[in-house]
Amino acid sequence: ERPQIGDKRKPSPLGDIQPDHWLPEYTSELINVLNVLGMLVDLEPKQADLLNRICDGPLIPASKIA
């Protein structure tokens, strides 16, 4: 059976604990998340280069691992 979507669903109890306004702490937390995302975007070229070097590097035979 497919789940119901939209107003057909029964309300979740989690909806009762949502704040009715934006708290100041949310702003600083949002800024922190955005800063982390920005740093991750800046790292992407280095991460891609590292992954390419790893994938292009030598393989260790299973006999040497076991």
C-alpha atoms as a PDB file:
ATOM      1  CA  GLU A   1       0.000   0.000   0.000  1.00  0.00           C
ATOM      2  CA  ARG A   2       1.346   3.430  -0.936  1.00  0.00           C
ATOM      3  CA  PRO A   3       1.770   5.977   1.871  1.00  0.00           C
ATOM      4  CA  GLN A   4      -0.630   8.871   1.897  1.00  0.00           C
ATOM      5  CA  ILE A   5       0.771  12.258   0.972  1.00  0.00           C
ATOM      6  CA  GLY A   6      -0.076  15.763   2.114  1.00  0.00           C
ATOM      7  CA  ASP A   7      -3.116  16.552   4.252  1.00  0.00           C
ATOM      8  CA  LYS A   8      -4.277  12.945   4.120  1.00  0.00           C
ATOM      9  CA  ARG A   9      -1.599  11.899   6.579  1.00  0.00           C
ATOM     10  CA  LYS A  10      -2.257  11.854  10.273  1.00  0.00           C
ATOM     11  CA  PRO A  11      -0.314  14.674  12.035  1.00  0.00           C
ATOM     12  CA  SER A  12       2.905  13.636  13.736  1.00  0.00           C
ATOM     13  CA  PRO A  13       3.390  14.294  17.458  1.00  0.00           C
ATOM     14  CA  LEU A  14       6.667  15.969  16.473  1.00  0.00           C
ATOM     15  CA  GLY A  15       4.630  18.835  15.054  1.00  0.00           C
ATOM     16  CA  ASP A  16       3.575  19.730  18.582  1.00  0.00           C
ATOM     17  CA  ILE A  17       7.132  20.507  19.704  1.00  0.00           C
ATOM     18  CA  GLN A  18       8.075  22.930  16.927  1.00  0.00           C
ATOM     19  CA  PRO A  19       8.813  26.494  18.018  1.00  0.00           C
ATOM     20  CA  ASP A  20       6.436  29.145  16.759  1.00  0.00           C
ATOM     21  CA  HIS A  21       9.243  31.581  15.884  1.00  0.00           C
ATOM     22  CA  TRP A  22      12.882  31.685  14.759  1.00  0.00           C
ATOM     23  CA  LEU A  23      15.192  31.528  17.758  1.00  0.00           C
ATOM     24  CA  PRO A  24      18.436  33.574  17.819  1.00  0.00           C
ATOM     25  CA  GLU A  25      20.421  30.360  18.391  1.00  0.00           C
ATOM     26  CA  TYR A  26      19.176  29.122  15.017  1.00  0.00           C
ATOM     27  CA  THR A  27      20.939  31.984  13.260  1.00  0.00           C
ATOM     28  CA  SER A  28      24.354  31.150  14.706  1.00  0.00           C
ATOM     29  CA  GLU A  29      23.821  27.428  14.054  1.00  0.00           C
ATOM     30  CA  LEU A  30      22.791  28.157  10.460  1.00  0.00           C
ATOM     31  CA  ILE A  31      25.877  30.328   9.945  1.00  0.00           C
ATOM     32  CA  ASN A  32      28.054  27.503  11.313  1.00  0.00           C
ATOM     33  CA  VAL A  33      26.474  24.976   8.940  1.00  0.00           C
ATOM     34  CA  LEU A  34      26.918  27.335   5.981  1.00  0.00           C
ATOM     35  CA  ASN A  35      30.571  27.902   6.917  1.00  0.00           C
ATOM     36  CA  VAL A  36      31.217  24.152   7.072  1.00  0.00           C
ATOM     37  CA  LEU A  37      29.507  23.644   3.710  1.00  0.00           C
ATOM     38  CA  GLY A  38      31.606  26.431   2.210  1.00  0.00           C
ATOM     39  CA  MET A  39      34.814  24.847   3.516  1.00  0.00           C
ATOM     40  CA  LEU A  40      33.775  21.470   2.090  1.00  0.00           C
ATOM     41  CA  VAL A  41      33.138  23.061  -1.306  1.00  0.00           C
ATOM     42  CA  ASP A  42      36.604  24.643  -1.158  1.00  0.00           C
ATOM     43  CA  LEU A  43      38.132  21.226  -0.395  1.00  0.00           C
ATOM     44  CA  GLU A  44      36.402  19.429  -3.262  1.00  0.00           C
ATOM     45  CA  PRO A  45      39.173  19.923  -5.869  1.00  0.00           C
ATOM     46  CA  LYS A  46      41.793  18.564  -3.446  1.00  0.00           C
ATOM     47  CA  GLN A  47      39.520  15.656  -2.529  1.00  0.00           C
ATOM     48  CA  ALA A  48      38.940  14.838  -6.212  1.00  0.00           C
ATOM     49  CA  ASP A  49      42.690  14.943  -6.897  1.00  0.00           C
ATOM     50  CA  LEU A  50      43.422  12.665  -3.941  1.00  0.00           C
ATOM     51  CA  LEU A  51      40.758  10.180  -5.032  1.00  0.00           C
ATOM     52  CA  ASN A  52      42.181  10.142  -8.566  1.00  0.00           C
ATOM     53  CA  ARG A  53      45.707   9.527  -7.265  1.00  0.00           C
ATOM     54  CA  ILE A  54      44.461   6.692  -5.047  1.00  0.00           C
ATOM     55  CA  CYS A  55      42.470   5.086  -7.872  1.00  0.00           C
ATOM     56  CA  ASP A  56      45.379   5.456 -10.321  1.00  0.00           C
ATOM     57  CA  GLY A  57      47.928   4.133  -7.826  1.00  0.00           C
ATOM     58  CA  PRO A  58      49.252   0.613  -7.458  1.00  0.00           C
ATOM     59  CA  LEU A  59      47.039  -2.170  -6.157  1.00  0.00           C
ATOM     60  CA  ILE A  60      48.037  -4.475  -3.321  1.00  0.00           C
ATOM     61  CA  PRO A  61      47.426  -8.115  -4.226  1.00  0.00           C
ATOM     62  CA  ALA A  62      45.079 -10.022  -1.931  1.00  0.00           C
ATOM     63  CA  SER A  63      47.868 -12.520  -1.211  1.00  0.00           C
ATOM     64  CA  LYS A  64      49.890  -9.770   0.508  1.00  0.00           C
ATOM     65  CA  ILE A  65      46.957  -8.712   2.680  1.00  0.00           C
ATOM     66  CA  ALA A  66      45.916 -12.126   3.958  1.00  0.00           C
END
